[in-house]
Amino acid sequence: MIEFRLQTHSGVAPYLQLVHQVRQALRLGLLHEGDQLPTVKDVASAVAVNPNTVLKAYRELESQGLVSPRPGRGTFVTGTLSDASLVEHNRLRRDLERWLAKARLAGLDEESIEALFVNTFRSGSQAESA
């Protein structure tokens, strides 16, 4: 089951953070069709938000065709975002873990690592589209 976490200083609306976390879990194969999401009440309590925030996130996921509410039973995954590349995830994860270890050994803190990764990712994406 997915465990939600909110970053209060990220500037991203809490409901969107929840949506992104479900989408990421689907993309990584951590959630599958038929899996049940935590109840609105449980999520609201765990991340200290209004239940309406969780409902908004779940409705957004429903509009994207990724989940479906079942009255009296909960909200269930009905779509997926994973693809054939899922097989490569373990190898790539190991490579990334090695890179992260090197970055930490080089003295980079978490914010510096994230900034370097995001900047490199974005500049690489821009180069591909050029």
N, C-alpha and C. Protein backbone atom coordinates (compact mmCIF):
# COMPACT_ATOMS: atom_id res chain seq x y z
N MET A 1 0.85 -1.19 0.00
CA MET A 1 0.00 0.00 0.00
C MET A 1 0.89 1.24 0.00
N ILE A 2 0.41 2.27 -0.61
CA ILE A 2 1.16 3.52 -0.72
C ILE A 2 1.08 4.31 0.60
N GLU A 3 2.19 4.93 0.95
CA GLU A 3 2.23 5.83 2.10
C GLU A 3 2.50 7.23 1.58
N PHE A 4 1.56 8.12 1.81
CA PHE A 4 1.69 9.49 1.31
C PHE A 4 2.55 10.33 2.23
N ARG A 5 3.27 11.26 1.64
CA ARG A 5 4.06 12.25 2.39
C ARG A 5 3.89 13.59 1.69
N LEU A 6 3.76 14.63 2.48
CA LEU A 6 3.62 15.97 1.91
C LEU A 6 4.84 16.81 2.26
N GLN A 7 5.27 17.58 1.29
CA GLN A 7 6.36 18.54 1.51
C GLN A 7 5.71 19.91 1.63
N THR A 8 5.66 20.42 2.86
CA THR A 8 4.92 21.65 3.11
C THR A 8 5.55 22.88 2.47
N HIS A 9 6.83 22.85 2.20
CA HIS A 9 7.51 24.02 1.63
C HIS A 9 7.80 23.87 0.14
N SER A 10 7.17 22.91 -0.51
CA SER A 10 7.48 22.65 -1.92
C SER A 10 6.82 23.65 -2.88
N GLY A 11 5.77 24.30 -2.43
CA GLY A 11 5.04 25.21 -3.31
C GLY A 11 4.02 24.49 -4.19
N VAL A 12 3.94 23.17 -4.06
CA VAL A 12 2.98 22.38 -4.83
C VAL A 12 1.78 22.10 -3.94
N ALA A 13 0.59 22.32 -4.47
CA ALA A 13 -0.63 22.11 -3.70
C ALA A 13 -0.67 20.68 -3.14
N PRO A 14 -1.13 20.52 -1.91
CA PRO A 14 -1.16 19.18 -1.30
C PRO A 14 -1.90 18.14 -2.13
N TYR A 15 -3.04 18.51 -2.73
CA TYR A 15 -3.77 17.53 -3.52
C TYR A 15 -2.95 17.08 -4.72
N LEU A 16 -2.19 18.01 -5.32
CA LEU A 16 -1.35 17.63 -6.47
C LEU A 16 -0.19 16.74 -6.04
N GLN A 17 0.34 16.96 -4.85
CA GLN A 17 1.38 16.09 -4.35
C GLN A 17 0.86 14.66 -4.21
N LEU A 18 -0.37 14.53 -3.73
CA LEU A 18 -0.98 13.20 -3.60
C LEU A 18 -1.17 12.56 -4.98
N VAL A 19 -1.67 13.34 -5.93
CA VAL A 19 -1.86 12.85 -7.29
C VAL A 19 -0.52 12.38 -7.87
N HIS A 20 0.51 13.19 -7.72
CA HIS A 20 1.83 12.86 -8.27
C HIS A 20 2.38 11.59 -7.63
N GLN A 21 2.15 11.41 -6.34
CA GLN A 21 2.66 10.22 -5.67
C GLN A 21 1.97 8.95 -6.15
N VAL A 22 0.67 9.04 -6.41
CA VAL A 22 -0.04 7.87 -6.95
C VAL A 22 0.45 7.60 -8.37
N ARG A 23 0.58 8.64 -9.17
CA ARG A 23 1.06 8.46 -10.55
C ARG A 23 2.46 7.86 -10.56
N GLN A 24 3.32 8.33 -9.66
CA GLN A 24 4.67 7.79 -9.58
C GLN A 24 4.65 6.32 -9.17
N ALA A 25 3.82 5.98 -8.19
CA ALA A 25 3.71 4.59 -7.75
C ALA A 25 3.20 3.70 -8.89
N LEU A 26 2.30 4.21 -9.69
CA LEU A 26 1.80 3.45 -10.85
C LEU A 26 2.89 3.29 -11.89
N ARG A 27 3.62 4.36 -12.14
CA ARG A 27 4.68 4.33 -13.15
C ARG A 27 5.79 3.35 -12.75
N LEU A 28 6.08 3.27 -11.46
CA LEU A 28 7.15 2.39 -10.97
C LEU A 28 6.67 0.97 -10.70
N GLY A 29 5.40 0.72 -10.91
CA GLY A 29 4.88 -0.62 -10.68
C GLY A 29 4.68 -0.95 -9.21
N LEU A 30 4.62 0.08 -8.36
CA LEU A 30 4.38 -0.13 -6.93
C LEU A 30 2.90 -0.28 -6.63
N LEU A 31 2.07 0.25 -7.50
CA LEU A 31 0.62 0.06 -7.44
C LEU A 31 0.19 -0.61 -8.73
N HIS A 32 -0.78 -1.50 -8.60
CA HIS A 32 -1.27 -2.25 -9.76
C HIS A 32 -2.79 -2.15 -9.84
N GLU A 33 -3.31 -2.47 -11.01
CA GLU A 33 -4.76 -2.50 -11.18
C GLU A 33 -5.35 -3.44 -10.14
N GLY A 34 -6.41 -2.94 -9.48
CA GLY A 34 -7.08 -3.73 -8.45
C GLY A 34 -6.64 -3.39 -7.04
N ASP A 35 -5.48 -2.73 -6.89
CA ASP A 35 -5.02 -2.32 -5.56
C ASP A 35 -5.94 -1.26 -5.00
N GLN A 36 -6.12 -1.29 -3.70
CA GLN A 36 -6.96 -0.30 -3.03
C GLN A 36 -6.09 0.81 -2.47
N LEU A 37 -6.52 2.04 -2.69
CA LEU A 37 -5.85 3.19 -2.09
C LEU A 37 -6.31 3.32 -0.64
N PRO A 38 -5.50 3.95 0.20
CA PRO A 38 -5.94 4.18 1.58
C PRO A 38 -7.21 5.02 1.60
N THR A 39 -7.99 4.87 2.65
CA THR A 39 -9.23 5.64 2.74
C THR A 39 -8.91 7.13 2.86
N VAL A 40 -9.87 7.93 2.48
CA VAL A 40 -9.72 9.38 2.58
C VAL A 40 -9.41 9.76 4.02
N LYS A 41 -10.13 9.16 4.95
CA LYS A 41 -9.93 9.45 6.37
C LYS A 41 -8.52 9.10 6.81
N ASP A 42 -8.01 7.95 6.40
CA ASP A 42 -6.66 7.53 6.78
C ASP A 42 -5.60 8.46 6.21
N VAL A 43 -5.75 8.85 4.95
CA VAL A 43 -4.77 9.74 4.32
C VAL A 43 -4.81 11.11 4.99
N ALA A 44 -6.01 11.64 5.19
CA ALA A 44 -6.15 12.96 5.81
C ALA A 44 -5.51 12.97 7.19
N SER A 45 -5.69 11.91 7.93
CA SER A 45 -5.10 11.81 9.26
C SER A 45 -3.59 11.67 9.20
N ALA A 46 -3.09 10.85 8.29
CA ALA A 46 -1.66 10.56 8.19
C ALA A 46 -0.84 11.78 7.76
N VAL A 47 -1.39 12.59 6.86
CA VAL A 47 -0.62 13.73 6.35
C VAL A 47 -1.16 15.07 6.86
N ALA A 48 -2.12 15.01 7.76
CA ALA A 48 -2.67 16.21 8.42
C ALA A 48 -3.21 17.24 7.43
N VAL A 49 -4.13 16.77 6.57
CA VAL A 49 -4.83 17.69 5.67
C VAL A 49 -6.32 17.47 5.81
N ASN A 50 -7.07 18.40 5.27
CA ASN A 50 -8.52 18.29 5.26
C ASN A 50 -8.93 17.13 4.36
N PRO A 51 -9.93 16.33 4.77
CA PRO A 51 -10.38 15.23 3.91
C PRO A 51 -10.78 15.68 2.50
N ASN A 52 -11.24 16.93 2.37
CA ASN A 52 -11.61 17.43 1.03
C ASN A 52 -10.41 17.51 0.11
N THR A 53 -9.22 17.71 0.67
CA THR A 53 -7.99 17.75 -0.12
C THR A 53 -7.73 16.37 -0.72
N VAL A 54 -7.91 15.34 0.08
CA VAL A 54 -7.72 13.97 -0.39
C VAL A 54 -8.78 13.62 -1.42
N LEU A 55 -10.03 14.01 -1.14
CA LEU A 55 -11.11 13.77 -2.11
C LEU A 55 -10.81 14.42 -3.45
N LYS A 56 -10.28 15.64 -3.41
CA LYS A 56 -9.94 16.35 -4.65
C LYS A 56 -8.87 15.57 -5.42
N ALA A 57 -7.87 15.05 -4.71
CA ALA A 57 -6.82 14.27 -5.36
C ALA A 57 -7.41 12.99 -5.97
N TYR A 58 -8.23 12.30 -5.22
CA TYR A 58 -8.82 11.07 -5.72
C TYR A 58 -9.73 11.33 -6.92
N ARG A 59 -10.46 12.46 -6.89
CA ARG A 59 -11.31 12.81 -8.05
C ARG A 59 -10.46 13.11 -9.28
N GLU A 60 -9.33 13.78 -9.07
CA GLU A 60 -8.43 14.07 -10.19
C GLU A 60 -7.91 12.77 -10.79
N LEU A 61 -7.51 11.83 -9.94
CA LEU A 61 -7.03 10.53 -10.42
C LEU A 61 -8.14 9.78 -11.14
N GLU A 62 -9.37 9.93 -10.65
CA GLU A 62 -10.51 9.29 -11.31
C GLU A 62 -10.72 9.90 -12.69
N SER A 63 -10.62 11.23 -12.80
CA SER A 63 -10.82 11.89 -14.10
C SER A 63 -9.73 11.48 -15.09
N GLN A 64 -8.56 11.07 -14.59
CA GLN A 64 -7.48 10.60 -15.44
C GLN A 64 -7.62 9.11 -15.78
N GLY A 65 -8.68 8.48 -15.26
CA GLY A 65 -8.92 7.07 -15.56
C GLY A 65 -8.00 6.12 -14.81
N LEU A 66 -7.42 6.58 -13.71
CA LEU A 66 -6.46 5.75 -12.98
C LEU A 66 -7.05 5.06 -11.77
N VAL A 67 -8.11 5.63 -11.20
CA VAL A 67 -8.76 5.01 -10.04
C VAL A 67 -10.27 5.09 -10.21
N SER A 68 -10.95 4.29 -9.41
CA SER A 68 -12.40 4.30 -9.44
C SER A 68 -12.92 4.06 -8.03
N PRO A 69 -13.84 4.93 -7.57
CA PRO A 69 -14.42 4.70 -6.25
C PRO A 69 -15.48 3.61 -6.32
N ARG A 70 -15.54 2.81 -5.29
CA ARG A 70 -16.59 1.80 -5.15
C ARG A 70 -17.32 2.10 -3.85
N PRO A 71 -18.53 2.61 -3.95
CA PRO A 71 -19.27 3.03 -2.76
C PRO A 71 -19.27 1.95 -1.67
N GLY A 72 -18.88 2.38 -0.49
CA GLY A 72 -18.86 1.48 0.65
C GLY A 72 -17.65 0.56 0.72
N ARG A 73 -16.82 0.58 -0.32
CA ARG A 73 -15.66 -0.33 -0.35
C ARG A 73 -14.33 0.41 -0.42
N GLY A 74 -14.30 1.59 -1.05
CA GLY A 74 -13.06 2.35 -1.15
C GLY A 74 -12.75 2.76 -2.57
N THR A 75 -11.51 3.19 -2.77
CA THR A 75 -11.05 3.64 -4.09
C THR A 75 -9.99 2.66 -4.58
N PHE A 76 -10.16 2.20 -5.80
CA PHE A 76 -9.31 1.15 -6.35
C PHE A 76 -8.62 1.61 -7.63
N VAL A 77 -7.42 1.13 -7.84
CA VAL A 77 -6.65 1.42 -9.04
C VAL A 77 -7.30 0.71 -10.22
N THR A 78 -7.55 1.46 -11.30
CA THR A 78 -8.17 0.88 -12.49
C THR A 78 -7.33 1.08 -13.74
N GLY A 79 -6.23 1.82 -13.61
CA GLY A 79 -5.36 2.07 -14.75
C GLY A 79 -3.92 1.92 -14.35
N THR A 80 -3.05 2.03 -15.31
CA THR A 80 -1.62 1.90 -15.02
C THR A 80 -0.83 2.89 -15.86
N LEU A 81 0.35 3.17 -15.42
CA LEU A 81 1.26 4.04 -16.18
C LEU A 81 2.57 3.33 -16.47
N SER A 82 2.72 2.12 -15.96
CA SER A 82 3.97 1.39 -16.20
C SER A 82 3.97 0.86 -17.62
N ASP A 83 5.16 0.58 -18.11
CA ASP A 83 5.29 0.08 -19.47
C ASP A 83 6.40 -0.96 -19.51
N ALA A 84 6.83 -1.30 -20.69
CA ALA A 84 7.85 -2.33 -20.85
C ALA A 84 9.16 -1.94 -20.18
N SER A 85 9.40 -0.65 -19.97
CA SER A 85 10.66 -0.21 -19.36
C SER A 85 10.74 -0.59 -17.89
N LEU A 86 9.63 -1.04 -17.32
CA LEU A 86 9.61 -1.42 -15.91
C LEU A 86 10.67 -2.48 -15.60
N VAL A 87 10.97 -3.33 -16.55
CA VAL A 87 11.98 -4.37 -16.37
C VAL A 87 13.35 -3.75 -16.10
N GLU A 88 13.61 -2.62 -16.70
CA GLU A 88 14.90 -1.95 -16.56
C GLU A 88 15.03 -1.17 -15.25
N HIS A 89 13.94 -0.96 -14.54
CA HIS A 89 13.96 -0.11 -13.35
C HIS A 89 14.96 -0.58 -12.30
N ASN A 90 15.03 -1.88 -12.03
CA ASN A 90 15.94 -2.36 -10.99
C ASN A 90 17.39 -2.06 -11.33
N ARG A 91 17.78 -2.29 -12.56
CA ARG A 91 19.15 -2.00 -12.97
C ARG A 91 19.43 -0.50 -12.88
N LEU A 92 18.50 0.30 -13.36
CA LEU A 92 18.68 1.74 -13.32
C LEU A 92 18.69 2.26 -11.89
N ARG A 93 17.86 1.67 -11.03
CA ARG A 93 17.83 2.07 -9.62
C ARG A 93 19.18 1.81 -8.97
N ARG A 94 19.78 0.65 -9.25
CA ARG A 94 21.11 0.35 -8.69
C ARG A 94 22.14 1.36 -9.18
N ASP A 95 22.09 1.69 -10.47
CA ASP A 95 23.01 2.70 -11.01
C ASP A 95 22.82 4.05 -10.31
N LEU A 96 21.58 4.43 -10.11
CA LEU A 96 21.28 5.69 -9.45
C LEU A 96 21.72 5.68 -8.00
N GLU A 97 21.53 4.56 -7.31
CA GLU A 97 21.97 4.45 -5.92
C GLU A 97 23.49 4.60 -5.82
N ARG A 98 24.22 4.03 -6.77
CA ARG A 98 25.68 4.19 -6.79
C ARG A 98 26.04 5.66 -7.02
N TRP A 99 25.35 6.31 -7.95
CA TRP A 99 25.60 7.72 -8.22
C TRP A 99 25.33 8.57 -6.98
N LEU A 100 24.22 8.28 -6.28
CA LEU A 100 23.88 9.02 -5.07
C LEU A 100 24.95 8.84 -4.00
N ALA A 101 25.47 7.63 -3.86
CA ALA A 101 26.53 7.37 -2.89
C ALA A 101 27.77 8.20 -3.24
N LYS A 102 28.11 8.27 -4.53
CA LYS A 102 29.26 9.07 -4.96
C LYS A 102 29.02 10.55 -4.65
N ALA A 103 27.82 11.02 -4.88
CA ALA A 103 27.50 12.42 -4.63
C ALA A 103 27.63 12.74 -3.14
N ARG A 104 27.16 11.83 -2.30
CA ARG A 104 27.28 12.05 -0.85
C ARG A 104 28.73 12.03 -0.42
N LEU A 105 29.52 11.10 -0.98
CA LEU A 105 30.95 11.04 -0.66
C LEU A 105 31.67 12.30 -1.11
N ALA A 106 31.16 12.93 -2.15
CA ALA A 106 31.76 14.18 -2.64
C ALA A 106 31.35 15.37 -1.77
N GLY A 107 30.48 15.13 -0.78
CA GLY A 107 30.10 16.18 0.15
C GLY A 107 28.82 16.92 -0.18
N LEU A 108 28.08 16.46 -1.16
CA LEU A 108 26.83 17.13 -1.52
C LEU A 108 25.74 16.78 -0.51
N ASP A 109 24.98 17.79 -0.11
CA ASP A 109 23.84 17.53 0.76
C ASP A 109 22.62 17.21 -0.12
N GLU A 110 21.50 16.88 0.53
CA GLU A 110 20.31 16.45 -0.22
C GLU A 110 19.83 17.51 -1.21
N GLU A 111 19.80 18.77 -0.79
CA GLU A 111 19.34 19.83 -1.69
C GLU A 111 20.26 20.00 -2.89
N SER A 112 21.56 19.87 -2.66
CA SER A 112 22.53 20.00 -3.75
C SER A 112 22.40 18.84 -4.73
N ILE A 113 22.20 17.65 -4.20
CA ILE A 113 22.01 16.47 -5.05
C ILE A 113 20.77 16.64 -5.91
N GLU A 114 19.68 17.07 -5.28
CA GLU A 114 18.43 17.26 -6.02
C GLU A 114 18.59 18.33 -7.09
N ALA A 115 19.24 19.44 -6.73
CA ALA A 115 19.44 20.53 -7.70
C ALA A 115 20.26 20.05 -8.89
N LEU A 116 21.33 19.31 -8.61
CA LEU A 116 22.18 18.79 -9.68
C LEU A 116 21.40 17.84 -10.58
N PHE A 117 20.65 16.94 -9.96
CA PHE A 117 19.87 15.98 -10.74
C PHE A 117 18.83 16.69 -11.61
N VAL A 118 18.05 17.58 -11.01
CA VAL A 118 16.98 18.26 -11.75
C VAL A 118 17.56 19.09 -12.88
N ASN A 119 18.64 19.81 -12.60
CA ASN A 119 19.27 20.64 -13.63
C ASN A 119 19.78 19.78 -14.77
N THR A 120 20.43 18.68 -14.44
CA THR A 120 20.96 17.77 -15.47
C THR A 120 19.83 17.14 -16.26
N PHE A 121 18.78 16.73 -15.56
CA PHE A 121 17.62 16.12 -16.21
C PHE A 121 16.99 17.10 -17.20
N ARG A 122 16.78 18.32 -16.74
CA ARG A 122 16.14 19.33 -17.60
C ARG A 122 17.01 19.71 -18.78
N SER A 123 18.30 19.88 -18.55
CA SER A 123 19.17 20.24 -19.67
C SER A 123 19.28 19.08 -20.65
N GLY A 124 19.25 17.85 -20.17
CA GLY A 124 19.25 16.69 -21.06
C GLY A 124 17.98 16.59 -21.87
N SER A 125 16.85 16.91 -21.24
CA SER A 125 15.56 16.89 -21.95
C SER A 125 15.52 17.97 -23.03
N GLN A 126 16.09 19.13 -22.74
CA GLN A 126 16.12 20.22 -23.71
C GLN A 126 17.01 19.88 -24.89
N ALA A 127 18.12 19.20 -24.61
CA ALA A 127 19.04 18.81 -25.68
C ALA A 127 18.38 17.80 -26.62
N GLU A 128 17.57 16.88 -26.05
CA GLU A 128 16.89 15.87 -26.87
C GLU A 128 15.86 16.49 -27.78
N SER A 129 15.20 17.58 -27.31
CA SER A 129 14.15 18.18 -28.12
C SER A 129 14.70 19.16 -29.15
N ALA A 130 15.96 19.49 -29.04
CA ALA A 130 16.56 20.44 -29.98
C ALA A 130 16.92 19.78 -31.29
